[in-house]
């Protein structure tokens, strides 16, 4: 079976980062992803707001390099959790568990512009995750020296819930 999610969107606020009781880093954030079609009645863009959770080194990357408004690429899996609330009602939560997160733009400079600076052709975006590709002969980009790279190599603690 396949459970794979690939998203590109902007962080709606700074990530919330913490550690579990056993010291495992975790970061939670939400991204806004525009739908490819417009509302037929208003002709306005529609946007989905999707919760993301990152663990371990990917969480460290998110905490260190990402903030509100950053354009990110997320590769992960969909996870649905359920629990019983204190009032006895059944609750559900749907989120994407990120295997890798990439910053697709540069951090915005302190200033009035709402438009992020584009990446130059010679500098790839920061990335986290286990996938690394070798540059092809027709690509002018080289892998960034010293760019953070992390792997999601351990099982998700939520899997046992």
C-alpha atoms as a PDB file:
ATOM      1  CA  UNK A   1       0.000   0.000   0.000  1.00  0.00           C
ATOM      2  CA  UNK A   2       1.116   3.542  -0.643  1.00  0.00           C
ATOM      3  CA  UNK A   3       0.827   6.411   1.821  1.00  0.00           C
ATOM      4  CA  UNK A   4       2.846   9.306   0.390  1.00  0.00           C
ATOM      5  CA  UNK A   5       2.203  13.032   0.612  1.00  0.00           C
ATOM      6  CA  UNK A   6       4.174  15.740  -1.208  1.00  0.00           C
ATOM      7  CA  UNK A   7       3.222  19.353  -0.468  1.00  0.00           C
ATOM      8  CA  UNK A   8       4.535  22.832  -1.204  1.00  0.00           C
ATOM      9  CA  UNK A   9       3.228  25.705   0.885  1.00  0.00           C
ATOM     10  CA  UNK A  10       4.040  28.529   3.293  1.00  0.00           C
ATOM     11  CA  UNK A  11       4.286  28.273   7.072  1.00  0.00           C
ATOM     12  CA  UNK A  12       1.351  30.072   8.686  1.00  0.00           C
ATOM     13  CA  UNK A  13       3.337  30.779  11.881  1.00  0.00           C
ATOM     14  CA  UNK A  14       6.668  29.868  13.472  1.00  0.00           C
ATOM     15  CA  UNK A  15       7.045  26.132  14.238  1.00  0.00           C
ATOM     16  CA  UNK A  16       6.330  24.890  17.746  1.00  0.00           C
ATOM     17  CA  UNK A  17       9.332  22.805  18.805  1.00  0.00           C
ATOM     18  CA  UNK A  18       9.818  20.704  21.921  1.00  0.00           C
ATOM     19  CA  UNK A  19      11.235  17.428  23.164  1.00  0.00           C
ATOM     20  CA  UNK A  20       9.438  14.288  24.255  1.00  0.00           C
ATOM     21  CA  UNK A  21       9.988  12.920  27.756  1.00  0.00           C
ATOM     22  CA  UNK A  22      12.731  10.712  26.335  1.00  0.00           C
ATOM     23  CA  UNK A  23      14.500  13.659  24.678  1.00  0.00           C
ATOM     24  CA  UNK A  24      13.362  13.181  21.071  1.00  0.00           C
ATOM     25  CA  UNK A  25      12.987  16.502  19.208  1.00  0.00           C
ATOM     26  CA  UNK A  26       9.579  17.210  17.641  1.00  0.00           C
ATOM     27  CA  UNK A  27       8.393  20.233  15.649  1.00  0.00           C
ATOM     28  CA  UNK A  28       4.824  20.998  14.666  1.00  0.00           C
ATOM     29  CA  UNK A  29       3.772  23.556  12.098  1.00  0.00           C
ATOM     30  CA  UNK A  30       0.992  24.338   9.651  1.00  0.00           C
ATOM     31  CA  UNK A  31       1.369  25.198   5.982  1.00  0.00           C
ATOM     32  CA  UNK A  32      -1.022  26.992   3.652  1.00  0.00           C
ATOM     33  CA  UNK A  33      -1.353  25.226   0.298  1.00  0.00           C
ATOM     34  CA  UNK A  34      -3.299  26.846  -2.536  1.00  0.00           C
ATOM     35  CA  UNK A  35      -5.682  24.601  -4.423  1.00  0.00           C
ATOM     36  CA  UNK A  36      -5.074  24.373  -8.179  1.00  0.00           C
ATOM     37  CA  UNK A  37      -8.588  25.609  -8.983  1.00  0.00           C
ATOM     38  CA  UNK A  38     -10.547  28.701  -7.994  1.00  0.00           C
ATOM     39  CA  UNK A  39     -13.911  28.896  -6.284  1.00  0.00           C
ATOM     40  CA  UNK A  40     -16.439  28.906  -9.170  1.00  0.00           C
ATOM     41  CA  UNK A  41     -18.772  31.355  -7.399  1.00  0.00           C
ATOM     42  CA  UNK A  42     -16.228  33.974  -6.301  1.00  0.00           C
ATOM     43  CA  UNK A  43     -13.292  33.196  -8.635  1.00  0.00           C
ATOM     44  CA  UNK A  44     -10.996  33.439  -5.585  1.00  0.00           C
ATOM     45  CA  UNK A  45      -8.165  31.064  -4.741  1.00  0.00           C
ATOM     46  CA  UNK A  46      -8.987  28.478  -2.128  1.00  0.00           C
ATOM     47  CA  UNK A  47      -6.381  27.393   0.388  1.00  0.00           C
ATOM     48  CA  UNK A  48      -5.986  24.312   2.565  1.00  0.00           C
ATOM     49  CA  UNK A  49      -4.225  24.546   5.934  1.00  0.00           C
ATOM     50  CA  UNK A  50      -2.347  21.337   6.686  1.00  0.00           C
ATOM     51  CA  UNK A  51      -0.769  20.299   9.985  1.00  0.00           C
ATOM     52  CA  UNK A  52       2.747  18.839   9.795  1.00  0.00           C
ATOM     53  CA  UNK A  53       4.789  17.057  12.462  1.00  0.00           C
ATOM     54  CA  UNK A  54       8.544  16.430  12.118  1.00  0.00           C
ATOM     55  CA  UNK A  55      10.680  14.239  14.375  1.00  0.00           C
ATOM     56  CA  UNK A  56      14.348  13.982  15.328  1.00  0.00           C
ATOM     57  CA  UNK A  57      16.849  15.621  12.959  1.00  0.00           C
ATOM     58  CA  UNK A  58      14.105  16.824  10.646  1.00  0.00           C
ATOM     59  CA  UNK A  59      12.526  18.576  13.664  1.00  0.00           C
ATOM     60  CA  UNK A  60      15.903  20.143  14.480  1.00  0.00           C
ATOM     61  CA  UNK A  61      16.155  21.436  10.908  1.00  0.00           C
ATOM     62  CA  UNK A  62      12.647  22.927  11.065  1.00  0.00           C
ATOM     63  CA  UNK A  63      13.363  24.609  14.407  1.00  0.00           C
ATOM     64  CA  UNK A  64      16.702  26.019  13.248  1.00  0.00           C
ATOM     65  CA  UNK A  65      15.952  27.209   9.708  1.00  0.00           C
ATOM     66  CA  UNK A  66      12.213  27.750   9.170  1.00  0.00           C
ATOM     67  CA  UNK A  67       9.764  30.411  10.303  1.00  0.00           C
ATOM     68  CA  UNK A  68       6.463  32.070   9.454  1.00  0.00           C
ATOM     69  CA  UNK A  69       6.032  32.789   5.752  1.00  0.00           C
ATOM     70  CA  UNK A  70       8.788  30.467   4.530  1.00  0.00           C
ATOM     71  CA  UNK A  71       8.038  28.437   1.401  1.00  0.00           C
ATOM     72  CA  UNK A  72       8.667  24.749   2.131  1.00  0.00           C
ATOM     73  CA  UNK A  73       8.440  21.400   0.448  1.00  0.00           C
ATOM     74  CA  UNK A  74       7.254  18.528   2.644  1.00  0.00           C
ATOM     75  CA  UNK A  75       7.546  14.850   1.777  1.00  0.00           C
ATOM     76  CA  UNK A  76       5.888  12.465   4.208  1.00  0.00           C
ATOM     77  CA  UNK A  77       2.913  10.298   5.022  1.00  0.00           C
ATOM     78  CA  UNK A  78      -0.632  10.937   6.164  1.00  0.00           C
ATOM     79  CA  UNK A  79      -1.420   9.897   9.718  1.00  0.00           C
ATOM     80  CA  UNK A  80      -4.824   9.823  11.419  1.00  0.00           C
ATOM     81  CA  UNK A  81      -4.908   9.523  15.199  1.00  0.00           C
ATOM     82  CA  UNK A  82      -7.920   9.117  17.458  1.00  0.00           C
ATOM     83  CA  UNK A  83      -8.450   9.408  21.172  1.00  0.00           C
ATOM     84  CA  UNK A  84     -11.171   9.792  23.757  1.00  0.00           C
ATOM     85  CA  UNK A  85     -11.458  13.304  25.178  1.00  0.00           C
ATOM     86  CA  UNK A  86     -12.128  14.009  28.861  1.00  0.00           C
ATOM     87  CA  UNK A  87     -15.816  14.532  28.097  1.00  0.00           C
ATOM     88  CA  UNK A  88     -15.993  11.009  26.620  1.00  0.00           C
ATOM     89  CA  UNK A  89     -16.274  12.111  22.989  1.00  0.00           C
ATOM     90  CA  UNK A  90     -14.163  10.526  20.286  1.00  0.00           C
ATOM     91  CA  UNK A  91     -11.660  12.941  18.672  1.00  0.00           C
ATOM     92  CA  UNK A  92      -9.643  12.651  15.470  1.00  0.00           C
ATOM     93  CA  UNK A  93      -6.528  14.368  14.229  1.00  0.00           C
ATOM     94  CA  UNK A  94      -5.134  14.203  10.697  1.00  0.00           C
ATOM     95  CA  UNK A  95      -1.577  15.357  10.036  1.00  0.00           C
ATOM     96  CA  UNK A  96       1.361  14.758   7.750  1.00  0.00           C
ATOM     97  CA  UNK A  97       4.384  13.109   9.368  1.00  0.00           C
ATOM     98  CA  UNK A  98       7.333  14.633   7.502  1.00  0.00           C
ATOM     99  CA  UNK A  99      10.110  12.370   6.287  1.00  0.00           C
ATOM    100  CA  UNK A 100      11.876  15.363   4.776  1.00  0.00           C
ATOM    101  CA  UNK A 101      11.388  19.123   4.739  1.00  0.00           C
ATOM    102  CA  UNK A 102      13.027  21.533   2.311  1.00  0.00           C
ATOM    103  CA  UNK A 103      13.252  25.298   2.550  1.00  0.00           C
ATOM    104  CA  UNK A 104      12.413  26.467  -0.976  1.00  0.00           C
ATOM    105  CA  UNK A 105      13.198  30.144  -0.509  1.00  0.00           C
ATOM    106  CA  UNK A 106      15.523  32.268   1.569  1.00  0.00           C
ATOM    107  CA  UNK A 107      14.562  33.699   4.907  1.00  0.00           C
ATOM    108  CA  UNK A 108      12.988  37.092   4.407  1.00  0.00           C
ATOM    109  CA  UNK A 109      15.130  40.102   5.192  1.00  0.00           C
ATOM    110  CA  UNK A 110      13.884  42.444   7.869  1.00  0.00           C
ATOM    111  CA  UNK A 111      12.039  44.957   5.748  1.00  0.00           C
ATOM    112  CA  UNK A 112       8.714  45.933   4.241  1.00  0.00           C
ATOM    113  CA  UNK A 113       8.784  43.492   1.303  1.00  0.00           C
ATOM    114  CA  UNK A 114       6.389  40.546   1.421  1.00  0.00           C
ATOM    115  CA  UNK A 115       8.105  38.862  -1.510  1.00  0.00           C
ATOM    116  CA  UNK A 116      10.877  36.386  -0.643  1.00  0.00           C
ATOM    117  CA  UNK A 117      14.176  36.774  -2.431  1.00  0.00           C
ATOM    118  CA  UNK A 118      14.611  34.182  -5.213  1.00  0.00           C
ATOM    119  CA  UNK A 119      17.378  31.623  -4.996  1.00  0.00           C
ATOM    120  CA  UNK A 120      20.336  32.176  -7.320  1.00  0.00           C
ATOM    121  CA  UNK A 121      20.967  29.415  -9.857  1.00  0.00           C
ATOM    122  CA  UNK A 122      24.173  28.295  -8.172  1.00  0.00           C
ATOM    123  CA  UNK A 123      22.745  27.751  -4.668  1.00  0.00           C
ATOM    124  CA  UNK A 124      20.274  24.915  -3.931  1.00  0.00           C
ATOM    125  CA  UNK A 125      17.769  25.299  -1.084  1.00  0.00           C
ATOM    126  CA  UNK A 126      18.479  23.901   2.348  1.00  0.00           C
ATOM    127  CA  UNK A 127      17.053  20.450   2.710  1.00  0.00           C
ATOM    128  CA  UNK A 128      16.386  17.799   5.268  1.00  0.00           C
ATOM    129  CA  UNK A 129      15.608  14.186   4.585  1.00  0.00           C
ATOM    130  CA  UNK A 130      17.323  11.102   3.320  1.00  0.00           C
ATOM    131  CA  UNK A 131      17.043  11.708  -0.415  1.00  0.00           C
ATOM    132  CA  UNK A 132      20.085  13.242  -2.051  1.00  0.00           C
ATOM    133  CA  UNK A 133      20.489  13.338  -5.775  1.00  0.00           C
ATOM    134  CA  UNK A 134      23.657  13.729  -7.736  1.00  0.00           C
ATOM    135  CA  UNK A 135      23.655  16.668 -10.132  1.00  0.00           C
ATOM    136  CA  UNK A 136      23.115  15.687 -13.737  1.00  0.00           C
ATOM    137  CA  UNK A 137      25.464  16.881 -16.417  1.00  0.00           C
ATOM    138  CA  UNK A 138      22.897  19.371 -17.728  1.00  0.00           C
ATOM    139  CA  UNK A 139      22.222  21.018 -14.353  1.00  0.00           C
ATOM    140  CA  UNK A 140      24.247  24.067 -13.230  1.00  0.00           C
ATOM    141  CA  UNK A 141      23.558  23.327  -9.561  1.00  0.00           C
ATOM    142  CA  UNK A 142      25.999  21.598  -7.267  1.00  0.00           C
ATOM    143  CA  UNK A 143      25.088  20.176  -3.842  1.00  0.00           C
ATOM    144  CA  UNK A 144      25.591  22.793  -1.139  1.00  0.00           C
ATOM    145  CA  UNK A 145      28.726  22.206   0.900  1.00  0.00           C
ATOM    146  CA  UNK A 146      27.841  21.809   4.558  1.00  0.00           C
ATOM    147  CA  UNK A 147      24.081  22.123   3.962  1.00  0.00           C
ATOM    148  CA  UNK A 148      22.122  20.316   6.665  1.00  0.00           C
ATOM    149  CA  UNK A 149      20.894  16.886   5.702  1.00  0.00           C
ATOM    150  CA  UNK A 150      18.961  14.591   7.998  1.00  0.00           C
ATOM    151  CA  UNK A 151      17.246  11.248   7.851  1.00  0.00           C
ATOM    152  CA  UNK A 152      14.004  10.078   9.367  1.00  0.00           C
ATOM    153  CA  UNK A 153      15.511   6.719  10.344  1.00  0.00           C
ATOM    154  CA  UNK A 154      13.542   5.753  13.456  1.00  0.00           C
ATOM    155  CA  UNK A 155       9.889   4.758  13.842  1.00  0.00           C
ATOM    156  CA  UNK A 156       7.359   7.373  14.854  1.00  0.00           C
ATOM    157  CA  UNK A 157       6.461   7.149  18.571  1.00  0.00           C
ATOM    158  CA  UNK A 158       2.818   7.892  17.656  1.00  0.00           C
ATOM    159  CA  UNK A 159       2.656   4.613  15.712  1.00  0.00           C
ATOM    160  CA  UNK A 160       2.025   2.728  18.954  1.00  0.00           C
ATOM    161  CA  UNK A 161      -1.018   4.856  19.902  1.00  0.00           C
END
